[in-house]
Amino acid sequence: MASGCRIGPSILNSDLAALGAECSRMLDCGPTTCTGCNGRVRRGGGSGRAGARGAGGAARLSLSARANLRAGASLSSAPRHFVPNITFGHPVVESLRKRLGQEPFFDMHMMVAAPEQWVKPMAVAGANQYTFHLEATDNPGALIKDIRENGMKVGLAIKPGTTVEHLAPWANQIDMALVMTVEPGFGGQKFMEDMMPKVQWLRTQFPSLDIEVDGGVGPDTIHKCAEAGANMIVSGSAIMKSADPRSVINLLRNVCSEAAQKRSLDR
C-alpha cells in the first residue's frame, strides 16, 4: 500500500549558505517530506541502518544530486549528463546527517550520469533512499539490486520524454516511481500537465506504489497531481519563498490526502 501523502519542500530554493538551518526550518513546519532539487526533508524516516532505512515515522530529508558531483567535470563529453549545474553530493549528505541526527530519512534524487558509482558513497554518507533515472543506466535491475544490498530503498525516475511503459517492468521491484513534471535541472519551470496521464496510468496499474511528482508543483497545480494519483509531492519556491510555508505545506497535504481518500472510496 502507498505510504500516505508526503510533501517535500525543495531546499534547492533555500538559503544554501545556511542549508542545515533551512532543513531544520522546514522540518519545524511539519512537512512529511522536505525535499529539494538536491535536498528533501521528510517527516517519516526511521533510525538504524537497515530497518530504519525502510521504515516510516521520523523526519525525512531527500537530497538530489545533479550533474557529475565532481567540480570541474567536463559536462560536454558525457551524453548522459542531465544538467550542467552541480549541486549536492555525498559530502553534503554526510554533513547534514551529522547536523540533523539519525531521525531524518534522506532520499537521494540522483540526476547523474553513471548512477552506479554513487550508490556506496551515498549509503556510507547516510542516505536512506536512492532514486536514479531510468535513462541514465543500461542495467536497472543490477542497480536496483546494488541499492538494496547497500541498505537503501529504491526510487526510479523518468524524464518527460520517457514513456511510462519503460518504467513498468521495474515497478514491482522499486519503492517509489518519480514522474518528472519539468525537464530535470533547473527550478522555476512551468508545470507540464501532460505528464499527468503517466501518473494516472501508474496509479491504476500499481495501486500500492508510492508515486512522486517533481517540477512546477504548488497550490495552483496540486489538484491535478493529486487527482492523477500522486501521493508524494515535491514543491520548491511555492513553499520556500512563502511568508507562511507551513500553510502552503498544509494546503498541499490536505489536497493530496482528500484525493487519496476519494480514490479509496471509489474502489
C-alpha atoms as a PDB file:
ATOM      1  CA  MET A   1       0.000   0.000   0.000  1.00  0.00           C
ATOM      2  CA  ALA A   2       1.240   3.514  -0.803  1.00  0.00           C
ATOM      3  CA  SER A   3       2.737   5.163   2.274  1.00  0.00           C
ATOM      4  CA  GLY A   4       0.348   8.086   2.652  1.00  0.00           C
ATOM      5  CA  CYS A   5       0.719  11.633   1.328  1.00  0.00           C
ATOM      6  CA  ARG A   6       4.045  13.383   1.739  1.00  0.00           C
ATOM      7  CA  ILE A   7       5.053  16.918   0.842  1.00  0.00           C
ATOM      8  CA  GLY A   8       8.651  17.764   0.039  1.00  0.00           C
ATOM      9  CA  PRO A   9       9.855  21.383   0.165  1.00  0.00           C
ATOM     10  CA  SER A  10      12.691  21.707  -2.316  1.00  0.00           C
ATOM     11  CA  ILE A  11      15.681  23.057  -0.422  1.00  0.00           C
ATOM     12  CA  LEU A  12      17.446  23.983  -3.647  1.00  0.00           C
ATOM     13  CA  ASN A  13      15.297  27.101  -3.318  1.00  0.00           C
ATOM     14  CA  SER A  14      16.578  27.737   0.198  1.00  0.00           C
ATOM     15  CA  ASP A  15      19.445  29.838   1.552  1.00  0.00           C
ATOM     16  CA  LEU A  16      22.238  27.433   0.643  1.00  0.00           C
ATOM     17  CA  ALA A  17      24.690  29.284   2.883  1.00  0.00           C
ATOM     18  CA  ALA A  18      22.593  28.081   5.818  1.00  0.00           C
ATOM     19  CA  LEU A  19      21.459  24.718   4.493  1.00  0.00           C
ATOM     20  CA  GLY A  20      21.346  22.946   7.839  1.00  0.00           C
ATOM     21  CA  ALA A  21      19.256  25.696   9.380  1.00  0.00           C
ATOM     22  CA  GLU A  22      16.942  25.727   6.356  1.00  0.00           C
ATOM     23  CA  CYS A  23      16.383  21.973   6.655  1.00  0.00           C
ATOM     24  CA  SER A  24      15.567  22.397  10.328  1.00  0.00           C
ATOM     25  CA  ARG A  25      13.204  25.266   9.497  1.00  0.00           C
ATOM     26  CA  MET A  26      11.305  23.102   7.044  1.00  0.00           C
ATOM     27  CA  LEU A  27      11.134  20.180   9.452  1.00  0.00           C
ATOM     28  CA  ASP A  28       9.733  22.525  12.075  1.00  0.00           C
ATOM     29  CA  CYS A  29       6.953  23.402   9.610  1.00  0.00           C
ATOM     30  CA  GLY A  30       5.799  19.815   9.847  1.00  0.00           C
ATOM     31  CA  PRO A  31       6.194  18.521   6.286  1.00  0.00           C
ATOM     32  CA  THR A  32       6.053  14.783   5.901  1.00  0.00           C
ATOM     33  CA  THR A  33       8.775  15.495   3.392  1.00  0.00           C
ATOM     34  CA  CYS A  34      11.141  18.359   2.977  1.00  0.00           C
ATOM     35  CA  THR A  35      12.705  17.824  -0.374  1.00  0.00           C
ATOM     36  CA  GLY A  36      14.979  19.691  -2.598  1.00  0.00           C
ATOM     37  CA  CYS A  37      16.367  19.590  -6.077  1.00  0.00           C
ATOM     38  CA  ASN A  38      19.299  18.292  -4.240  1.00  0.00           C
ATOM     39  CA  GLY A  39      17.589  18.105  -0.967  1.00  0.00           C
ATOM     40  CA  ARG A  40      14.353  16.901   0.553  1.00  0.00           C
ATOM     41  CA  VAL A  41      13.473  16.671   4.169  1.00  0.00           C
ATOM     42  CA  ARG A  42      10.688  14.289   5.038  1.00  0.00           C
ATOM     43  CA  ARG A  43       8.940  13.625   8.285  1.00  0.00           C
ATOM     44  CA  GLY A  44       8.679   9.899   8.054  1.00  0.00           C
ATOM     45  CA  GLY A  45      12.002   8.099   8.273  1.00  0.00           C
ATOM     46  CA  GLY A  46      13.493   5.986  10.986  1.00  0.00           C
ATOM     47  CA  SER A  47      16.693   5.190  12.815  1.00  0.00           C
ATOM     48  CA  GLY A  48      19.156   2.418  12.365  1.00  0.00           C
ATOM     49  CA  ARG A  49      20.711   1.477   9.048  1.00  0.00           C
ATOM     50  CA  ALA A  50      18.805  -1.479   7.626  1.00  0.00           C
ATOM     51  CA  GLY A  51      15.491  -1.434   9.429  1.00  0.00           C
ATOM     52  CA  ALA A  52      15.012   2.297   9.555  1.00  0.00           C
ATOM     53  CA  ARG A  53      16.177   2.734   6.013  1.00  0.00           C
ATOM     54  CA  GLY A  54      12.892   1.254   5.004  1.00  0.00           C
ATOM     55  CA  ALA A  55      10.795   2.457   7.904  1.00  0.00           C
ATOM     56  CA  GLY A  56       8.412   5.338   8.141  1.00  0.00           C
ATOM     57  CA  GLY A  57       7.927   7.587  11.072  1.00  0.00           C
ATOM     58  CA  ALA A  58      10.508  10.257  11.771  1.00  0.00           C
ATOM     59  CA  ALA A  59      11.849  13.125   9.679  1.00  0.00           C
ATOM     60  CA  ARG A  60      12.725  12.703   6.035  1.00  0.00           C
ATOM     61  CA  LEU A  61      15.335  14.651   4.094  1.00  0.00           C
ATOM     62  CA  SER A  62      15.670  13.925   0.383  1.00  0.00           C
ATOM     63  CA  LEU A  63      18.679  15.223  -1.479  1.00  0.00           C
ATOM     64  CA  SER A  64      19.070  15.322  -5.238  1.00  0.00           C
ATOM     65  CA  ALA A  65      22.471  15.172  -6.867  1.00  0.00           C
ATOM     66  CA  ARG A  66      22.892  16.839 -10.222  1.00  0.00           C
ATOM     67  CA  ALA A  67      25.394  16.590 -12.989  1.00  0.00           C
ATOM     68  CA  ASN A  68      28.578  14.836 -12.001  1.00  0.00           C
ATOM     69  CA  LEU A  69      29.021  15.635  -8.323  1.00  0.00           C
ATOM     70  CA  ARG A  70      32.633  16.400  -9.217  1.00  0.00           C
ATOM     71  CA  ALA A  71      33.705  20.010  -9.563  1.00  0.00           C
ATOM     72  CA  GLY A  72      35.484  20.612 -12.822  1.00  0.00           C
ATOM     73  CA  ALA A  73      33.954  17.649 -14.649  1.00  0.00           C
ATOM     74  CA  SER A  74      33.603  18.034 -18.397  1.00  0.00           C
ATOM     75  CA  LEU A  75      29.866  18.002 -18.881  1.00  0.00           C
ATOM     76  CA  SER A  76      30.005  18.197 -22.650  1.00  0.00           C
ATOM     77  CA  SER A  77      31.877  14.917 -23.007  1.00  0.00           C
ATOM     78  CA  ALA A  78      29.254  12.704 -21.397  1.00  0.00           C
ATOM     79  CA  PRO A  79      25.963  12.384 -23.289  1.00  0.00           C
ATOM     80  CA  ARG A  80      24.071  11.167 -20.253  1.00  0.00           C
ATOM     81  CA  HIS A  81      24.658  14.224 -18.098  1.00  0.00           C
ATOM     82  CA  PHE A  82      21.216  15.515 -17.260  1.00  0.00           C
ATOM     83  CA  VAL A  83      22.037  19.055 -16.179  1.00  0.00           C
ATOM     84  CA  PRO A  84      25.021  21.410 -16.415  1.00  0.00           C
ATOM     85  CA  ASN A  85      24.868  22.696 -12.835  1.00  0.00           C
ATOM     86  CA  ILE A  86      26.415  20.813  -9.925  1.00  0.00           C
ATOM     87  CA  THR A  87      24.710  20.860  -6.548  1.00  0.00           C
ATOM     88  CA  PHE A  88      24.754  18.456  -3.591  1.00  0.00           C
ATOM     89  CA  GLY A  89      26.880  15.341  -3.303  1.00  0.00           C
ATOM     90  CA  HIS A  90      27.578  12.780  -0.604  1.00  0.00           C
ATOM     91  CA  PRO A  91      29.771  15.141   1.492  1.00  0.00           C
ATOM     92  CA  VAL A  92      26.693  17.342   1.931  1.00  0.00           C
ATOM     93  CA  VAL A  93      24.620  14.306   2.902  1.00  0.00           C
ATOM     94  CA  GLU A  94      27.219  13.323   5.478  1.00  0.00           C
ATOM     95  CA  SER A  95      27.308  16.848   6.900  1.00  0.00           C
ATOM     96  CA  LEU A  96      23.517  17.074   7.129  1.00  0.00           C
ATOM     97  CA  ARG A  97      23.344  13.669   8.793  1.00  0.00           C
ATOM     98  CA  LYS A  98      25.724  14.889  11.458  1.00  0.00           C
ATOM     99  CA  ARG A  99      23.798  18.150  11.840  1.00  0.00           C
ATOM    100  CA  LEU A 100      20.267  16.698  11.874  1.00  0.00           C
ATOM    101  CA  GLY A 101      20.926  13.352  13.541  1.00  0.00           C
ATOM    102  CA  GLN A 102      19.588   9.912  12.716  1.00  0.00           C
ATOM    103  CA  GLU A 103      15.895  10.830  12.638  1.00  0.00           C
ATOM    104  CA  PRO A 104      15.596  12.295   9.111  1.00  0.00           C
ATOM    105  CA  PHE A 105      15.030   9.943   6.193  1.00  0.00           C
ATOM    106  CA  PHE A 106      17.391  11.003   3.399  1.00  0.00           C
ATOM    107  CA  ASP A 107      16.030  10.430  -0.113  1.00  0.00           C
ATOM    108  CA  MET A 108      18.606  10.983  -2.854  1.00  0.00           C
ATOM    109  CA  HIS A 109      17.325  12.053  -6.279  1.00  0.00           C
ATOM    110  CA  MET A 110      20.344  11.231  -8.425  1.00  0.00           C
ATOM    111  CA  MET A 111      20.172  13.258 -11.633  1.00  0.00           C
ATOM    112  CA  VAL A 112      23.578  11.982 -12.668  1.00  0.00           C
ATOM    113  CA  ALA A 113      25.351  10.002 -15.316  1.00  0.00           C
ATOM    114  CA  ALA A 114      26.558   6.571 -14.195  1.00  0.00           C
ATOM    115  CA  PRO A 115      24.430   6.446 -11.018  1.00  0.00           C
ATOM    116  CA  GLU A 116      26.039   3.112 -10.177  1.00  0.00           C
ATOM    117  CA  GLN A 117      29.224   4.790  -8.950  1.00  0.00           C
ATOM    118  CA  TRP A 118      27.484   6.803  -6.220  1.00  0.00           C
ATOM    119  CA  VAL A 119      25.481   4.057  -4.508  1.00  0.00           C
ATOM    120  CA  LYS A 120      28.052   3.113  -1.903  1.00  0.00           C
ATOM    121  CA  PRO A 121      29.251   6.680  -1.128  1.00  0.00           C
ATOM    122  CA  MET A 122      25.665   7.792  -0.582  1.00  0.00           C
ATOM    123  CA  ALA A 123      24.900   4.792   1.604  1.00  0.00           C
ATOM    124  CA  VAL A 124      28.007   5.402   3.713  1.00  0.00           C
ATOM    125  CA  ALA A 125      27.148   9.113   3.979  1.00  0.00           C
ATOM    126  CA  GLY A 126      23.762   8.222   5.478  1.00  0.00           C
ATOM    127  CA  ALA A 127      21.245   8.134   2.624  1.00  0.00           C
ATOM    128  CA  ASN A 128      18.089   6.070   3.127  1.00  0.00           C
ATOM    129  CA  GLN A 129      16.662   6.021  -0.396  1.00  0.00           C
ATOM    130  CA  TYR A 130      18.436   6.203  -3.737  1.00  0.00           C
ATOM    131  CA  THR A 131      16.327   7.459  -6.648  1.00  0.00           C
ATOM    132  CA  PHE A 132      18.004   7.147 -10.039  1.00  0.00           C
ATOM    133  CA  HIS A 133      16.923   7.987 -13.583  1.00  0.00           C
ATOM    134  CA  LEU A 134      15.963   5.125 -15.859  1.00  0.00           C
ATOM    135  CA  GLU A 135      17.590   6.973 -18.755  1.00  0.00           C
ATOM    136  CA  ALA A 136      20.984   7.011 -17.015  1.00  0.00           C
ATOM    137  CA  THR A 137      21.697   3.274 -16.817  1.00  0.00           C
ATOM    138  CA  ASP A 138      21.882   0.278 -19.128  1.00  0.00           C
ATOM    139  CA  ASN A 139      21.140  -2.197 -16.345  1.00  0.00           C
ATOM    140  CA  PRO A 140      18.357  -1.033 -13.993  1.00  0.00           C
ATOM    141  CA  GLY A 141      17.952  -4.472 -12.457  1.00  0.00           C
ATOM    142  CA  ALA A 142      21.570  -4.684 -11.322  1.00  0.00           C
ATOM    143  CA  LEU A 143      21.429  -1.143  -9.966  1.00  0.00           C
ATOM    144  CA  ILE A 144      18.242  -1.869  -8.011  1.00  0.00           C
ATOM    145  CA  LYS A 145      19.938  -4.931  -6.513  1.00  0.00           C
ATOM    146  CA  ASP A 146      23.040  -2.936  -5.580  1.00  0.00           C
ATOM    147  CA  ILE A 147      20.989  -0.209  -3.897  1.00  0.00           C
ATOM    148  CA  ARG A 148      19.145  -2.769  -1.780  1.00  0.00           C
ATOM    149  CA  GLU A 149      22.373  -4.581  -0.879  1.00  0.00           C
ATOM    150  CA  ASN A 150      23.681  -1.233   0.399  1.00  0.00           C
ATOM    151  CA  GLY A 151      20.713  -0.935   2.758  1.00  0.00           C
ATOM    152  CA  MET A 152      18.692   1.699   0.924  1.00  0.00           C
ATOM    153  CA  LYS A 153      15.204   1.877  -0.549  1.00  0.00           C
ATOM    154  CA  VAL A 154      14.871   2.304  -4.309  1.00  0.00           C
ATOM    155  CA  GLY A 155      13.289   5.102  -6.334  1.00  0.00           C
ATOM    156  CA  LEU A 156      13.120   5.165 -10.135  1.00  0.00           C
ATOM    157  CA  ALA A 157      12.623   8.409 -12.064  1.00  0.00           C
ATOM    158  CA  ILE A 158      11.667   9.168 -15.653  1.00  0.00           C
ATOM    159  CA  LYS A 159      12.096  12.396 -17.613  1.00  0.00           C
ATOM    160  CA  PRO A 160       9.191  13.954 -19.539  1.00  0.00           C
ATOM    161  CA  GLY A 161      10.316  12.394 -22.821  1.00  0.00           C
ATOM    162  CA  THR A 162      10.359   8.834 -21.464  1.00  0.00           C
ATOM    163  CA  THR A 163       7.160   6.834 -21.784  1.00  0.00           C
ATOM    164  CA  VAL A 164       5.810   5.340 -18.593  1.00  0.00           C
ATOM    165  CA  GLU A 165       5.746   1.878 -20.135  1.00  0.00           C
ATOM    166  CA  HIS A 166       9.544   1.855 -19.922  1.00  0.00           C
ATOM    167  CA  LEU A 167       9.269   2.118 -16.144  1.00  0.00           C
ATOM    168  CA  ALA A 168       6.572  -0.535 -15.793  1.00  0.00           C
ATOM    169  CA  PRO A 169       8.824  -3.647 -15.869  1.00  0.00           C
ATOM    170  CA  TRP A 170      10.607  -2.396 -12.760  1.00  0.00           C
ATOM    171  CA  ALA A 171       7.604  -1.110 -10.806  1.00  0.00           C
ATOM    172  CA  ASN A 172       7.291  -4.192  -8.614  1.00  0.00           C
ATOM    173  CA  GLN A 173      10.973  -4.018  -7.682  1.00  0.00           C
ATOM    174  CA  ILE A 174      11.069  -0.410  -6.500  1.00  0.00           C
ATOM    175  CA  ASP A 175       9.663   1.570  -3.580  1.00  0.00           C
ATOM    176  CA  MET A 176       8.841   4.782  -5.441  1.00  0.00           C
ATOM    177  CA  ALA A 177       8.308   5.971  -9.009  1.00  0.00           C
ATOM    178  CA  LEU A 178       9.134   9.594  -9.800  1.00  0.00           C
ATOM    179  CA  VAL A 179       7.455  11.279 -12.763  1.00  0.00           C
ATOM    180  CA  MET A 180       9.281  14.495 -13.636  1.00  0.00           C
ATOM    181  CA  THR A 181       6.864  17.312 -14.476  1.00  0.00           C
ATOM    182  CA  VAL A 182       9.625  19.564 -15.803  1.00  0.00           C
ATOM    183  CA  GLU A 183      12.890  18.800 -17.525  1.00  0.00           C
ATOM    184  CA  PRO A 184      15.339  17.999 -14.727  1.00  0.00           C
ATOM    185  CA  GLY A 185      17.933  20.541 -13.819  1.00  0.00           C
ATOM    186  CA  PHE A 186      16.518  23.980 -13.182  1.00  0.00           C
ATOM    187  CA  GLY A 187      13.928  25.487 -10.868  1.00  0.00           C
ATOM    188  CA  GLY A 188      11.136  27.801 -11.916  1.00  0.00           C
ATOM    189  CA  GLN A 189       9.975  25.847 -14.974  1.00  0.00           C
ATOM    190  CA  LYS A 190       6.327  25.628 -15.929  1.00  0.00           C
ATOM    191  CA  PHE A 191       4.439  22.554 -14.730  1.00  0.00           C
ATOM    192  CA  MET A 192       3.848  20.033 -17.534  1.00  0.00           C
ATOM    193  CA  GLU A 193       0.239  18.955 -17.157  1.00  0.00           C
ATOM    194  CA  ASP A 194       0.624  16.459 -19.987  1.00  0.00           C
ATOM    195  CA  MET A 195       2.663  14.268 -17.639  1.00  0.00           C
ATOM    196  CA  MET A 196      -0.433  13.512 -15.554  1.00  0.00           C
ATOM    197  CA  PRO A 197      -1.579  10.563 -17.705  1.00  0.00           C
ATOM    198  CA  LYS A 198       1.689   8.844 -16.715  1.00  0.00           C
ATOM    199  CA  VAL A 199       0.833   9.272 -13.044  1.00  0.00           C
ATOM    200  CA  GLN A 200      -2.720   8.101 -13.613  1.00  0.00           C
ATOM    201  CA  TRP A 201      -1.562   5.018 -15.516  1.00  0.00           C
ATOM    202  CA  LEU A 202       0.927   4.086 -12.789  1.00  0.00           C
ATOM    203  CA  ARG A 203      -1.692   4.527 -10.059  1.00  0.00           C
ATOM    204  CA  THR A 204      -4.135   2.310 -11.968  1.00  0.00           C
ATOM    205  CA  GLN A 205      -1.604  -0.402 -12.742  1.00  0.00           C
ATOM    206  CA  PHE A 206       0.296  -0.296  -9.422  1.00  0.00           C
ATOM    207  CA  PRO A 207      -2.108   0.991  -6.745  1.00  0.00           C
ATOM    208  CA  SER A 208       0.300   0.297  -3.873  1.00  0.00           C
ATOM    209  CA  LEU A 209       3.270   2.130  -5.374  1.00  0.00           C
ATOM    210  CA  ASP A 210       4.475   5.465  -3.997  1.00  0.00           C
ATOM    211  CA  ILE A 211       4.277   7.915  -6.916  1.00  0.00           C
ATOM    212  CA  GLU A 212       6.088  11.239  -6.759  1.00  0.00           C
ATOM    213  CA  VAL A 213       5.882  14.323  -8.989  1.00  0.00           C
ATOM    214  CA  ASP A 214       8.635  16.910  -9.150  1.00  0.00           C
ATOM    215  CA  GLY A 215       8.643  20.211 -11.024  1.00  0.00           C
ATOM    216  CA  GLY A 216       6.406  23.275 -11.031  1.00  0.00           C
ATOM    217  CA  VAL A 217       4.115  21.913  -8.330  1.00  0.00           C
ATOM    218  CA  GLY A 218       2.355  24.359  -5.990  1.00  0.00           C
ATOM    219  CA  PRO A 219      -1.108  25.458  -4.873  1.00  0.00           C
ATOM    220  CA  ASP A 220      -2.175  26.110  -8.477  1.00  0.00           C
ATOM    221  CA  THR A 221      -1.199  22.653  -9.765  1.00  0.00           C
ATOM    222  CA  ILE A 222      -1.524  20.328  -6.771  1.00  0.00           C
ATOM    223  CA  HIS A 223      -5.109  19.333  -7.605  1.00  0.00           C
ATOM    224  CA  LYS A 224      -4.056  17.923 -10.972  1.00  0.00           C
ATOM    225  CA  CYS A 225      -1.246  15.907  -9.371  1.00  0.00           C
ATOM    226  CA  ALA A 226      -3.380  14.584  -6.534  1.00  0.00           C
ATOM    227  CA  GLU A 227      -6.311  13.666  -8.759  1.00  0.00           C
ATOM    228  CA  ALA A 228      -3.986  11.784 -11.110  1.00  0.00           C
ATOM    229  CA  GLY A 229      -2.760   9.690  -8.192  1.00  0.00           C
ATOM    230  CA  ALA A 230       0.487  11.220  -6.941  1.00  0.00           C
ATOM    231  CA  ASN A 231       0.982  10.780  -3.199  1.00  0.00           C
ATOM    232  CA  MET A 232       4.475  12.251  -2.888  1.00  0.00           C
ATOM    233  CA  ILE A 233       4.771  15.913  -3.858  1.00  0.00           C
ATOM    234  CA  VAL A 234       7.948  17.919  -4.392  1.00  0.00           C
ATOM    235  CA  SER A 235       7.421  21.690  -4.265  1.00  0.00           C
ATOM    236  CA  GLY A 236      10.113  24.346  -4.407  1.00  0.00           C
ATOM    237  CA  SER A 237       9.615  28.098  -4.435  1.00  0.00           C
ATOM    238  CA  ALA A 238       5.893  27.800  -3.629  1.00  0.00           C
ATOM    239  CA  ILE A 239       6.952  26.665  -0.154  1.00  0.00           C
ATOM    240  CA  MET A 240      10.460  28.019   0.352  1.00  0.00           C
ATOM    241  CA  LYS A 241       9.651  31.552  -0.803  1.00  0.00           C
ATOM    242  CA  SER A 242       6.340  31.755   1.034  1.00  0.00           C
ATOM    243  CA  ALA A 243       5.934  34.024   4.052  1.00  0.00           C
ATOM    244  CA  ASP A 244       3.987  31.170   5.630  1.00  0.00           C
ATOM    245  CA  PRO A 245       5.462  27.870   4.398  1.00  0.00           C
ATOM    246  CA  ARG A 246       3.550  25.849   6.983  1.00  0.00           C
ATOM    247  CA  SER A 247       0.211  26.910   5.485  1.00  0.00           C
ATOM    248  CA  VAL A 248       1.355  26.014   1.962  1.00  0.00           C
ATOM    249  CA  ILE A 249       2.550  22.607   3.137  1.00  0.00           C
ATOM    250  CA  ASN A 250      -0.773  22.001   4.882  1.00  0.00           C
ATOM    251  CA  LEU A 251      -2.732  23.006   1.782  1.00  0.00           C
ATOM    252  CA  LEU A 252      -0.740  20.662  -0.458  1.00  0.00           C
ATOM    253  CA  ARG A 253      -1.031  17.813   2.028  1.00  0.00           C
ATOM    254  CA  ASN A 254      -4.772  18.272   2.514  1.00  0.00           C
ATOM    255  CA  VAL A 255      -5.480  18.244  -1.225  1.00  0.00           C
ATOM    256  CA  CYS A 256      -3.328  15.156  -1.650  1.00  0.00           C
ATOM    257  CA  SER A 257      -4.977  13.344   1.264  1.00  0.00           C
ATOM    258  CA  GLU A 258      -8.503  14.184   0.121  1.00  0.00           C
ATOM    259  CA  ALA A 259      -7.789  12.819  -3.348  1.00  0.00           C
ATOM    260  CA  ALA A 260      -6.377   9.611  -1.867  1.00  0.00           C
ATOM    261  CA  GLN A 261      -9.450   9.160   0.319  1.00  0.00           C
ATOM    262  CA  LYS A 262     -11.720   9.667  -2.685  1.00  0.00           C
ATOM    263  CA  ARG A 263      -9.840   7.018  -4.670  1.00  0.00           C
ATOM    264  CA  SER A 264     -10.197   4.620  -1.775  1.00  0.00           C
ATOM    265  CA  LEU A 265     -13.953   5.186  -1.585  1.00  0.00           C
ATOM    266  CA  ASP A 266     -14.323   4.801  -5.357  1.00  0.00           C
ATOM    267  CA  ARG A 267     -12.749   1.348  -5.378  1.00  0.00           C
END
